[in-house]
Amino acid sequence: MQNKTILLVEDDTSLGFVIQDNLEQNGYQVLRCHDGQEGIDRFKDDQFDLCVLDVMLPKKDGFSLAKEIRELDSEVPIIFLTAKSMQEDKLIGFETGADDYVTKPFHMKELIYRIEVFLKRTHKSESSQIFKIGAYSFDYPNLTLNISDKEKNLTQKEADVLKYLCEHKGKVVKREEILKKIWGSDDYFLGRSMDVFISKLRKYLKEDPDVEILNQHGVGFKFIA
């Protein structure tokens, strides 16, 4: 994962220094910004492979920053740094386009692991991973969902969830199974965040009435196309 460039937006000077130092020791190039406005300005000027954003930022909060980043780039992975007491804010983060979160205080190994997972998924070659979903064509490597002449760009997390459903089409997939595979854990809050992603995918797939993500009450989901 060397030579990958990360945008780090963290206003806590000490924490920002520790994160930047550890990431650079692991071979990443890191551009650190101290407020949300600086973050979006630099994102517009440079190319980044991943963004790490604090939620509580001066001038422009992390949610607003993530939303503006998503308007410019629908694919770059976004990881939020959030306080443990801000559970509901994490849902807002997923709705604005974030792919994952790390709760403060955290161990640097956890953050580095999550970064590595996203960068491997984003850059590995999977040229055969193109799925036919009813009238849709889902190109997992390029994170696109196409129907007729319309193309929808997906985030990495949206694409990961849809790919998993495609691989288990017609079968009941347990909630905890998806959570452990995509999120790495099956705790209650992550389950709620997964529901956000499922709702988004249903919206993206609504143009073909024969494509459905059905709820299996108390169990999970069944993907039908």
Protein backbone atom coordinates (compact mmCIF):
# COMPACT_ATOMS: atom_id res chain seq x y z
CA MET A 1 0.00 0.00 0.00
CA GLN A 2 2.96 2.33 -0.39
CA ASN A 3 2.65 5.60 -2.31
CA LYS A 4 -1.04 5.93 -1.50
CA THR A 5 -2.05 9.45 -0.51
CA ILE A 6 -4.38 10.08 2.43
CA LEU A 7 -6.20 13.29 3.30
CA LEU A 8 -6.29 13.61 7.09
CA VAL A 9 -8.51 16.34 8.54
CA GLU A 10 -8.06 16.54 12.33
CA ASP A 11 -8.03 19.74 14.39
CA ASP A 12 -6.46 18.15 17.49
CA THR A 13 -2.78 18.96 16.97
CA SER A 14 -1.41 16.13 19.12
CA LEU A 15 -3.72 13.43 17.73
CA GLY A 16 -3.22 14.68 14.19
CA PHE A 17 0.54 14.46 14.58
CA VAL A 18 0.37 10.91 15.99
CA ILE A 19 -1.93 9.70 13.17
CA GLN A 20 0.17 11.34 10.45
CA ASP A 21 3.42 10.02 11.89
CA ASN A 22 2.11 6.44 12.15
CA LEU A 23 0.63 6.45 8.67
CA GLU A 24 3.83 7.81 7.16
CA GLN A 25 5.83 5.14 8.98
CA ASN A 26 3.58 2.61 7.24
CA GLY A 27 4.43 3.99 3.82
CA TYR A 28 1.54 6.37 3.18
CA GLN A 29 1.77 9.95 2.01
CA VAL A 30 -0.36 12.10 4.31
CA LEU A 31 -1.68 15.62 3.82
CA ARG A 32 -3.02 16.95 7.12
CA CYS A 33 -5.54 19.77 7.39
CA HIS A 34 -6.75 21.44 10.58
CA ASP A 35 -10.31 22.44 9.64
CA GLY A 36 -13.06 21.41 7.25
CA GLN A 37 -12.69 24.34 4.89
CA GLU A 38 -9.00 23.68 4.43
CA GLY A 39 -9.87 20.03 3.88
CA ILE A 40 -12.25 20.65 0.97
CA ASP A 41 -9.91 23.22 -0.55
CA ARG A 42 -7.04 20.73 -0.60
CA PHE A 43 -9.29 17.91 -1.86
CA LYS A 44 -10.16 20.06 -4.86
CA ASP A 45 -6.48 20.70 -5.60
CA ASP A 46 -5.01 17.20 -5.14
CA GLN A 47 -5.74 13.52 -5.76
CA PHE A 48 -6.31 11.28 -2.74
CA ASP A 49 -6.75 7.53 -2.37
CA LEU A 50 -8.60 7.78 0.96
CA CYS A 51 -9.87 10.39 3.44
CA VAL A 52 -9.77 10.26 7.24
CA LEU A 53 -12.06 12.93 8.71
CA ASP A 54 -12.77 13.99 12.26
CA VAL A 55 -16.44 14.79 12.87
CA MET A 56 -15.98 17.86 15.08
CA LEU A 57 -14.03 20.35 12.99
CA PRO A 58 -13.83 24.14 12.92
CA LYS A 59 -15.20 26.18 9.98
CA LYS A 60 -16.86 23.13 8.38
CA ASP A 61 -17.84 19.97 10.28
CA GLY A 62 -16.90 16.50 9.09
CA PHE A 63 -20.41 15.70 7.81
CA SER A 64 -20.51 18.78 5.58
CA LEU A 65 -16.98 18.05 4.41
CA ALA A 66 -17.84 14.43 3.53
CA LYS A 67 -20.93 15.53 1.63
CA GLU A 68 -18.89 17.99 -0.46
CA ILE A 69 -16.21 15.36 -1.09
CA ARG A 70 -18.90 12.93 -2.27
CA GLU A 71 -20.22 15.52 -4.71
CA LEU A 72 -16.73 15.71 -6.24
CA ASP A 73 -15.79 12.03 -5.98
CA SER A 74 -18.28 9.22 -5.41
CA GLU A 75 -15.64 6.52 -5.00
CA VAL A 76 -12.86 7.68 -2.67
CA PRO A 77 -13.18 5.81 0.67
CA ILE A 78 -14.05 8.04 3.66
CA ILE A 79 -13.36 6.98 7.24
CA PHE A 80 -14.76 9.08 10.10
CA LEU A 81 -13.13 9.55 13.49
CA THR A 82 -15.94 9.85 16.03
CA ALA A 83 -16.34 10.16 19.79
CA LYS A 84 -17.81 7.15 21.58
CA SER A 85 -20.78 9.21 22.83
CA MET A 86 -21.80 10.20 19.27
CA GLN A 87 -23.58 7.01 18.19
CA GLU A 88 -26.37 8.76 16.28
CA ASP A 89 -23.85 10.98 14.52
CA LYS A 90 -22.31 7.86 13.02
CA LEU A 91 -25.57 7.12 11.21
CA ILE A 92 -25.56 10.66 9.85
CA GLY A 93 -22.02 10.03 8.69
CA PHE A 94 -23.01 6.94 6.70
CA GLU A 95 -25.91 8.85 5.17
CA THR A 96 -23.56 11.62 3.99
CA GLY A 97 -21.36 9.11 2.19
CA ALA A 98 -18.86 7.78 4.72
CA ASP A 99 -17.69 4.18 4.31
CA ASP A 100 -16.54 3.42 7.85
CA TYR A 101 -15.76 4.92 11.24
CA VAL A 102 -13.25 4.51 14.04
CA THR A 103 -14.29 5.42 17.56
CA LYS A 104 -12.02 7.53 19.76
CA PRO A 105 -9.96 6.55 21.63
CA PHE A 106 -8.60 3.98 19.20
CA HIS A 107 -5.45 1.99 18.64
CA MET A 108 -3.44 3.04 15.60
CA LYS A 109 -3.31 -0.57 14.41
CA GLU A 110 -7.10 -0.53 14.09
CA LEU A 111 -7.09 2.59 11.92
CA ILE A 112 -4.24 1.29 9.76
CA TYR A 113 -6.02 -2.05 9.32
CA ARG A 114 -9.23 -0.37 8.18
CA ILE A 115 -7.30 1.84 5.76
CA GLU A 116 -5.50 -1.18 4.31
CA VAL A 117 -8.76 -3.06 3.83
CA PHE A 118 -10.30 -0.23 1.82
CA LEU A 119 -7.24 0.41 -0.31
CA LYS A 120 -6.88 -3.28 -1.14
CA ARG A 121 -10.53 -3.47 -2.15
CA THR A 122 -10.29 -0.32 -4.21
CA HIS A 123 -7.15 -1.18 -6.14
CA LYS A 124 -7.02 -4.94 -6.55
CA SER A 125 -7.76 -6.34 -9.97
CA GLU A 126 -11.17 -8.01 -10.21
CA SER A 127 -11.93 -7.66 -13.91
CA SER A 128 -14.35 -10.62 -13.86
CA GLN A 129 -16.51 -9.14 -11.11
CA ILE A 130 -19.30 -7.83 -13.33
CA PHE A 131 -22.81 -8.92 -12.33
CA LYS A 132 -26.09 -8.98 -14.24
CA ILE A 133 -28.91 -7.87 -11.94
CA GLY A 134 -32.19 -7.91 -13.85
CA ALA A 135 -31.99 -4.93 -16.20
CA TYR A 136 -28.89 -3.65 -14.39
CA SER A 137 -25.22 -4.27 -14.95
CA PHE A 138 -23.07 -3.97 -11.83
CA ASP A 139 -19.36 -3.39 -12.43
CA TYR A 140 -17.76 -4.03 -9.05
CA PRO A 141 -14.14 -3.10 -9.93
CA ASN A 142 -15.28 0.27 -11.30
CA LEU A 143 -17.98 0.78 -8.65
CA THR A 144 -20.74 1.48 -11.17
CA LEU A 145 -24.36 0.37 -11.54
CA ASN A 146 -25.86 0.78 -15.02
CA ILE A 147 -29.36 0.56 -16.45
CA SER A 148 -30.17 1.68 -20.01
CA ASP A 149 -28.10 4.84 -20.50
CA LYS A 150 -27.97 5.72 -16.81
CA GLU A 151 -24.89 5.14 -14.67
CA LYS A 152 -24.74 5.35 -10.87
CA ASN A 153 -21.38 5.63 -9.14
CA LEU A 154 -21.26 3.67 -5.88
CA THR A 155 -19.11 4.15 -2.82
CA GLN A 156 -16.76 1.30 -1.95
CA LYS A 157 -18.96 0.18 0.94
CA GLU A 158 -22.13 0.26 -1.18
CA ALA A 159 -20.35 -1.82 -3.82
CA ASP A 160 -19.08 -4.30 -1.21
CA VAL A 161 -22.59 -4.86 0.16
CA LEU A 162 -24.15 -5.21 -3.29
CA LYS A 163 -21.42 -7.62 -4.40
CA TYR A 164 -22.05 -9.81 -1.34
CA LEU A 165 -25.79 -9.87 -2.10
CA CYS A 166 -25.08 -10.75 -5.73
CA GLU A 167 -22.84 -13.63 -4.69
CA HIS A 168 -25.70 -14.99 -2.55
CA LYS A 169 -28.60 -14.15 -4.86
CA GLY A 170 -31.77 -16.11 -4.11
CA LYS A 171 -30.53 -17.18 -0.68
CA VAL A 172 -31.35 -15.83 2.77
CA VAL A 173 -28.27 -14.06 4.09
CA LYS A 174 -28.11 -13.51 7.85
CA ARG A 175 -27.54 -9.99 9.12
CA GLU A 176 -24.58 -11.01 11.26
CA GLU A 177 -23.04 -12.76 8.27
CA ILE A 178 -23.02 -9.54 6.21
CA LEU A 179 -21.82 -7.47 9.15
CA LYS A 180 -18.88 -9.75 9.91
CA LYS A 181 -17.90 -9.98 6.24
CA ILE A 182 -18.19 -6.29 5.32
CA TRP A 183 -17.86 -4.45 8.64
CA GLY A 184 -15.79 -6.95 10.58
CA SER A 185 -18.19 -7.06 13.54
CA ASP A 186 -21.89 -7.63 14.20
CA ASP A 187 -22.65 -5.19 17.02
CA TYR A 188 -26.02 -3.42 17.27
CA PHE A 189 -24.93 -0.04 15.97
CA LEU A 190 -23.23 -1.48 12.90
CA GLY A 191 -26.50 -3.28 12.17
CA ARG A 192 -28.26 0.06 12.04
CA SER A 193 -25.62 1.49 9.74
CA MET A 194 -26.00 -1.53 7.46
CA ASP A 195 -29.71 -0.75 7.17
CA VAL A 196 -28.74 2.68 5.81
CA PHE A 197 -26.73 1.03 3.04
CA ILE A 198 -29.49 -1.48 2.25
CA SER A 199 -31.97 1.41 1.92
CA LYS A 200 -29.64 3.20 -0.48
CA LEU A 201 -29.23 0.09 -2.63
CA ARG A 202 -33.00 -0.40 -2.80
CA LYS A 203 -33.31 3.17 -4.04
CA TYR A 204 -30.64 2.61 -6.70
CA LEU A 205 -32.33 -0.60 -7.90
CA LYS A 206 -35.94 0.60 -7.93
CA GLU A 207 -36.15 1.09 -11.72
CA ASP A 208 -36.43 -2.66 -12.23
CA PRO A 209 -39.48 -3.96 -10.28
CA ASP A 210 -38.17 -7.52 -10.55
CA VAL A 211 -35.11 -6.67 -8.45
CA GLU A 212 -35.76 -6.73 -4.72
CA ILE A 213 -33.85 -6.87 -1.44
CA LEU A 214 -36.37 -8.57 0.82
CA ASN A 215 -36.33 -8.42 4.60
CA GLN A 216 -36.42 -11.82 6.29
CA HIS A 217 -37.78 -10.78 9.67
CA GLY A 218 -35.37 -11.49 12.50
CA VAL A 219 -32.93 -13.20 10.17
CA GLY A 220 -31.55 -11.05 7.37
CA PHE A 221 -32.11 -10.39 3.68
CA LYS A 222 -32.90 -12.20 0.45
CA PHE A 223 -31.74 -10.70 -2.85
CA ILE A 224 -34.01 -11.47 -5.80
CA ALA A 225 -33.40 -10.55 -9.44
